[in-house]
Amino acid sequence: MTHTHHAIDYIELTVTDMDAAKAFYTSAFGWSLTDYGPEYSGIQGEGSEQGGLRLDTAERGPLAILFSEDLEATIAAVSAAGGTIVQPIESFPGGRRFHFCDPAGNELAVWSDRAAP
């Protein structure tokens, strides 16, 4: 799959009941889901994963995730522009990511499939 630098690449929907959410989205929209454990299920699209359902009792809204070709440069740019890093870079299966809040308080994430330098 081709990813575009700094474009919205993925979206996570937070859910408080994974089984109910999976039943709803598969019934309402015919979504195909891949379970990655009890707290995460990937939303499959045409040839790629386009998003996920993430179990979270905090009832947060959707999380837009951007792609970066250089995660360290992006985290520096976000900080320099006035963003607040709320979750430092961490690894997950398939890559690494960090979370930040923009000046209005919107939380977003940025991910990369590239290993740490």
C-alpha atoms as a PDB file:
ATOM      1  CA  MET A   1       0.000   0.000   0.000  1.00  0.00           C
ATOM      2  CA  THR A   2       1.217   3.479  -0.817  1.00  0.00           C
ATOM      3  CA  HIS A   3       1.026   6.099   1.928  1.00  0.00           C
ATOM      4  CA  THR A   4       1.162   9.861   1.404  1.00  0.00           C
ATOM      5  CA  HIS A   5       3.422  11.903   3.695  1.00  0.00           C
ATOM      6  CA  HIS A   6       1.400  13.955   6.203  1.00  0.00           C
ATOM      7  CA  ALA A   7      -1.977  12.914   4.745  1.00  0.00           C
ATOM      8  CA  ILE A   8      -4.782  11.414   6.832  1.00  0.00           C
ATOM      9  CA  ASP A   9      -4.105   7.716   6.400  1.00  0.00           C
ATOM     10  CA  TYR A  10      -6.216   5.874   8.982  1.00  0.00           C
ATOM     11  CA  ILE A  11      -8.992   6.528  11.486  1.00  0.00           C
ATOM     12  CA  GLU A  12      -9.670   4.843  14.792  1.00  0.00           C
ATOM     13  CA  LEU A  13     -13.120   4.823  16.357  1.00  0.00           C
ATOM     14  CA  THR A  14     -13.212   4.436  20.114  1.00  0.00           C
ATOM     15  CA  VAL A  15     -15.843   2.044  21.387  1.00  0.00           C
ATOM     16  CA  THR A  16     -16.932   1.085  24.892  1.00  0.00           C
ATOM     17  CA  ASP A  17     -18.330  -2.333  23.912  1.00  0.00           C
ATOM     18  CA  MET A  18     -16.251  -4.120  21.270  1.00  0.00           C
ATOM     19  CA  ASP A  19     -18.742  -6.894  20.582  1.00  0.00           C
ATOM     20  CA  ALA A  20     -21.644  -4.453  20.122  1.00  0.00           C
ATOM     21  CA  ALA A  21     -19.543  -2.187  17.875  1.00  0.00           C
ATOM     22  CA  LYS A  22     -18.398  -5.090  15.696  1.00  0.00           C
ATOM     23  CA  ALA A  23     -21.974  -6.351  15.373  1.00  0.00           C
ATOM     24  CA  PHE A  24     -23.215  -2.871  14.436  1.00  0.00           C
ATOM     25  CA  TYR A  25     -20.594  -2.058  11.787  1.00  0.00           C
ATOM     26  CA  THR A  26     -20.679  -5.480  10.151  1.00  0.00           C
ATOM     27  CA  SER A  27     -24.494  -5.435  10.042  1.00  0.00           C
ATOM     28  CA  ALA A  28     -25.004  -1.789   9.041  1.00  0.00           C
ATOM     29  CA  PHE A  29     -22.162  -1.414   6.531  1.00  0.00           C
ATOM     30  CA  GLY A  30     -20.906  -4.915   5.795  1.00  0.00           C
ATOM     31  CA  TRP A  31     -17.458  -4.071   7.139  1.00  0.00           C
ATOM     32  CA  SER A  32     -14.876  -6.835   7.344  1.00  0.00           C
ATOM     33  CA  LEU A  33     -12.924  -6.735  10.603  1.00  0.00           C
ATOM     34  CA  THR A  34      -9.667  -8.342  11.732  1.00  0.00           C
ATOM     35  CA  ASP A  35      -9.237  -8.882  15.469  1.00  0.00           C
ATOM     36  CA  TYR A  36      -5.854  -8.031  16.988  1.00  0.00           C
ATOM     37  CA  GLY A  37      -6.873  -8.998  20.494  1.00  0.00           C
ATOM     38  CA  PRO A  38      -9.812  -8.098  22.717  1.00  0.00           C
ATOM     39  CA  GLU A  39      -9.154  -4.332  22.568  1.00  0.00           C
ATOM     40  CA  TYR A  40      -8.602  -3.738  18.833  1.00  0.00           C
ATOM     41  CA  SER A  41     -10.208  -4.730  15.557  1.00  0.00           C
ATOM     42  CA  GLY A  42      -8.957  -3.478  12.185  1.00  0.00           C
ATOM     43  CA  ILE A  43     -11.388  -2.234   9.522  1.00  0.00           C
ATOM     44  CA  GLN A  44     -10.512  -3.840   6.189  1.00  0.00           C
ATOM     45  CA  GLY A  45     -10.983  -1.927   2.951  1.00  0.00           C
ATOM     46  CA  GLU A  46     -10.123  -2.598  -0.649  1.00  0.00           C
ATOM     47  CA  GLY A  47      -6.769  -4.333  -0.266  1.00  0.00           C
ATOM     48  CA  SER A  48      -5.737  -2.551   2.927  1.00  0.00           C
ATOM     49  CA  GLU A  49      -6.680  -1.732   6.468  1.00  0.00           C
ATOM     50  CA  GLN A  50      -8.363   1.689   6.601  1.00  0.00           C
ATOM     51  CA  GLY A  51      -9.087   2.095  10.275  1.00  0.00           C
ATOM     52  CA  GLY A  52      -9.841   0.368  13.508  1.00  0.00           C
ATOM     53  CA  LEU A  53     -12.184  -0.024  16.439  1.00  0.00           C
ATOM     54  CA  ARG A  54     -10.327   0.638  19.695  1.00  0.00           C
ATOM     55  CA  LEU A  55     -11.790  -0.307  23.077  1.00  0.00           C
ATOM     56  CA  ASP A  56     -11.595   2.683  25.427  1.00  0.00           C
ATOM     57  CA  THR A  57     -13.821   3.384  28.401  1.00  0.00           C
ATOM     58  CA  ALA A  58     -13.155   7.136  28.133  1.00  0.00           C
ATOM     59  CA  GLU A  59     -15.672   7.493  25.244  1.00  0.00           C
ATOM     60  CA  ARG A  60     -13.375   9.694  23.166  1.00  0.00           C
ATOM     61  CA  GLY A  61     -14.172  10.668  19.606  1.00  0.00           C
ATOM     62  CA  PRO A  62     -12.540   9.379  16.437  1.00  0.00           C
ATOM     63  CA  LEU A  63      -8.763   9.605  16.140  1.00  0.00           C
ATOM     64  CA  ALA A  64      -7.422  10.761  12.770  1.00  0.00           C
ATOM     65  CA  ILE A  65      -3.998   9.287  12.039  1.00  0.00           C
ATOM     66  CA  LEU A  66      -1.566  10.859   9.573  1.00  0.00           C
ATOM     67  CA  PHE A  67       1.334   9.069   7.888  1.00  0.00           C
ATOM     68  CA  SER A  68       4.932  10.301   8.063  1.00  0.00           C
ATOM     69  CA  GLU A  69       8.000   9.277   6.115  1.00  0.00           C
ATOM     70  CA  ASP A  70      10.157  10.656   8.975  1.00  0.00           C
ATOM     71  CA  LEU A  71       8.506  10.407  12.384  1.00  0.00           C
ATOM     72  CA  GLU A  72      11.270  12.243  14.248  1.00  0.00           C
ATOM     73  CA  ALA A  73      11.125  15.220  11.844  1.00  0.00           C
ATOM     74  CA  THR A  74       7.325  15.302  12.111  1.00  0.00           C
ATOM     75  CA  ILE A  75       7.311  15.274  15.918  1.00  0.00           C
ATOM     76  CA  ALA A  76       9.820  18.156  15.866  1.00  0.00           C
ATOM     77  CA  ALA A  77       7.649  20.102  13.387  1.00  0.00           C
ATOM     78  CA  VAL A  78       4.500  19.536  15.470  1.00  0.00           C
ATOM     79  CA  SER A  79       6.269  20.766  18.611  1.00  0.00           C
ATOM     80  CA  ALA A  80       7.778  23.792  16.826  1.00  0.00           C
ATOM     81  CA  ALA A  81       4.345  24.746  15.460  1.00  0.00           C
ATOM     82  CA  GLY A  82       2.816  24.792  18.944  1.00  0.00           C
ATOM     83  CA  GLY A  83       1.394  21.283  19.191  1.00  0.00           C
ATOM     84  CA  THR A  84       1.533  19.403  22.484  1.00  0.00           C
ATOM     85  CA  ILE A  85       2.896  15.865  22.439  1.00  0.00           C
ATOM     86  CA  VAL A  86       0.534  13.787  24.587  1.00  0.00           C
ATOM     87  CA  GLN A  87       1.991  10.344  23.813  1.00  0.00           C
ATOM     88  CA  PRO A  88       5.641  10.006  22.791  1.00  0.00           C
ATOM     89  CA  ILE A  89       6.764   7.758  19.958  1.00  0.00           C
ATOM     90  CA  GLU A  90       6.003   4.117  20.690  1.00  0.00           C
ATOM     91  CA  SER A  91       6.189   0.941  18.665  1.00  0.00           C
ATOM     92  CA  PHE A  92       3.234  -1.221  17.671  1.00  0.00           C
ATOM     93  CA  PRO A  93       2.898  -4.163  15.271  1.00  0.00           C
ATOM     94  CA  GLY A  94       3.528  -2.607  11.855  1.00  0.00           C
ATOM     95  CA  GLY A  95       5.332   0.573  12.864  1.00  0.00           C
ATOM     96  CA  ARG A  96       5.643   3.418  15.355  1.00  0.00           C
ATOM     97  CA  ARG A  97       3.442   6.396  16.259  1.00  0.00           C
ATOM     98  CA  PHE A  98       2.956   9.387  18.533  1.00  0.00           C
ATOM     99  CA  HIS A  99      -0.094  11.429  19.584  1.00  0.00           C
ATOM    100  CA  PHE A 100      -0.388  15.192  19.828  1.00  0.00           C
ATOM    101  CA  CYS A 101      -2.975  17.887  20.480  1.00  0.00           C
ATOM    102  CA  ASP A 102      -3.283  20.884  18.200  1.00  0.00           C
ATOM    103  CA  PRO A 103      -3.746  24.366  19.726  1.00  0.00           C
ATOM    104  CA  ALA A 104      -7.553  23.843  19.739  1.00  0.00           C
ATOM    105  CA  GLY A 105      -7.188  20.636  21.773  1.00  0.00           C
ATOM    106  CA  ASN A 106      -7.912  18.141  18.978  1.00  0.00           C
ATOM    107  CA  GLU A 107      -5.946  14.921  19.461  1.00  0.00           C
ATOM    108  CA  LEU A 108      -4.396  13.341  16.371  1.00  0.00           C
ATOM    109  CA  ALA A 109      -1.719  10.711  15.825  1.00  0.00           C
ATOM    110  CA  VAL A 110       1.082  10.298  13.318  1.00  0.00           C
ATOM    111  CA  TRP A 111       2.480   6.905  12.325  1.00  0.00           C
ATOM    112  CA  SER A 112       5.318   5.525  10.249  1.00  0.00           C
ATOM    113  CA  ASP A 113       6.115   2.057   9.002  1.00  0.00           C
ATOM    114  CA  ARG A 114       9.836   2.884   9.189  1.00  0.00           C
ATOM    115  CA  ALA A 115      12.035   1.710  12.051  1.00  0.00           C
ATOM    116  CA  ALA A 116      13.703   4.120  14.446  1.00  0.00           C
ATOM    117  CA  PRO A 117      16.878   5.702  13.062  1.00  0.00           C
END
